[in-house]
Amino acid sequence: MAALADGGYPGRDRELPRWGLLLGYGLVIELVQWPLSYREFSWLDLVANLAGVLLYIGLRAWVGWRLRRPGVPSRSRP
């Protein structure tokens, strides 16, 4: 979902609202599950959501850094 949100709302000025909305969506899902007898609220799910967003941000930064490195020849075919 992080990649979809990133593609749907590009731009550095939308970074914080984008990730905040994703984490808020995860919180809403957990709050909906809380009163249900066959589901349960889990803080670990919220931690997993946060870890997923942070992992995506890290991978996006790493891939961007790898693509922008000066002096590294590209792997284009001859």
Protein backbone atom coordinates (compact mmCIF):
# COMPACT_ATOMS: atom_id res chain seq x y z
CA MET A 1 0.00 0.00 0.00
CA ALA A 2 2.93 2.32 0.62
CA ALA A 3 4.04 2.04 -3.01
CA LEU A 4 0.51 2.74 -4.23
CA ALA A 5 0.21 5.77 -1.94
CA ASP A 6 3.61 6.99 -3.09
CA GLY A 7 2.64 6.66 -6.74
CA GLY A 8 -0.80 8.14 -6.26
CA TYR A 9 0.38 11.19 -4.31
CA PRO A 10 3.94 11.93 -5.46
CA GLY A 11 5.97 14.81 -4.15
CA ARG A 12 8.07 15.54 -1.11
CA ASP A 13 5.56 18.08 0.21
CA ARG A 14 3.05 15.25 0.71
CA GLU A 15 5.39 12.87 2.54
CA LEU A 16 4.13 13.29 6.10
CA PRO A 17 0.39 13.32 5.28
CA ARG A 18 0.82 10.27 3.04
CA TRP A 19 2.51 8.11 5.68
CA GLY A 20 0.28 9.48 8.43
CA LEU A 21 -2.83 8.52 6.48
CA LEU A 22 -1.49 5.01 5.87
CA LEU A 23 -0.75 4.50 9.55
CA GLY A 24 -4.10 6.05 10.46
CA TYR A 25 -5.82 3.61 8.11
CA GLY A 26 -4.13 0.73 9.91
CA LEU A 27 -5.28 2.14 13.25
CA VAL A 28 -8.87 2.45 12.02
CA ILE A 29 -8.82 -1.17 10.87
CA GLU A 30 -7.60 -2.23 14.32
CA LEU A 31 -10.28 -0.13 16.05
CA VAL A 32 -12.97 -1.72 13.90
CA GLN A 33 -11.70 -5.17 14.88
CA TRP A 34 -11.62 -4.37 18.61
CA PRO A 35 -15.34 -4.88 19.44
CA LEU A 36 -15.73 -7.92 17.17
CA SER A 37 -15.83 -11.26 18.96
CA TYR A 38 -14.03 -13.13 16.17
CA ARG A 39 -11.25 -10.51 15.68
CA GLU A 40 -8.94 -8.71 18.09
CA PHE A 41 -7.07 -5.43 18.40
CA SER A 42 -3.33 -5.93 18.20
CA TRP A 43 -0.59 -3.42 18.88
CA LEU A 44 1.76 -5.72 16.98
CA ASP A 45 -0.28 -5.13 13.83
CA LEU A 46 0.27 -1.40 14.23
CA VAL A 47 3.99 -2.00 14.74
CA ALA A 48 4.02 -4.17 11.61
CA ASN A 49 2.29 -1.38 9.66
CA LEU A 50 4.91 1.10 10.85
CA ALA A 51 7.73 -1.31 9.99
CA GLY A 52 6.29 -1.79 6.50
CA VAL A 53 6.13 1.95 5.86
CA LEU A 54 9.67 2.46 7.18
CA LEU A 55 10.97 -0.45 5.11
CA TYR A 56 9.39 1.00 1.98
CA ILE A 57 10.85 4.46 2.67
CA GLY A 58 14.28 2.92 3.23
CA LEU A 59 14.16 0.80 0.08
CA ARG A 60 12.94 3.75 -1.97
CA ALA A 61 15.82 5.88 -0.69
CA TRP A 62 18.35 3.10 -1.32
CA VAL A 63 17.15 2.47 -4.87
CA GLY A 64 17.15 6.20 -5.60
CA TRP A 65 20.68 6.51 -4.24
CA ARG A 66 21.85 3.56 -6.36
CA LEU A 67 20.38 5.10 -9.49
CA ARG A 68 21.86 8.56 -8.86
CA ARG A 69 25.42 7.55 -7.97
CA PRO A 70 27.86 9.44 -10.22
CA GLY A 71 30.60 7.53 -11.96
CA VAL A 72 28.88 4.18 -11.94
CA PRO A 73 28.36 2.84 -15.44
CA SER A 74 24.85 1.74 -16.29
CA ARG A 75 24.16 -1.85 -17.19
CA SER A 76 22.73 -1.15 -20.63
CA ARG A 77 23.12 -3.73 -23.34
CA PRO A 78 25.47 -2.97 -26.26
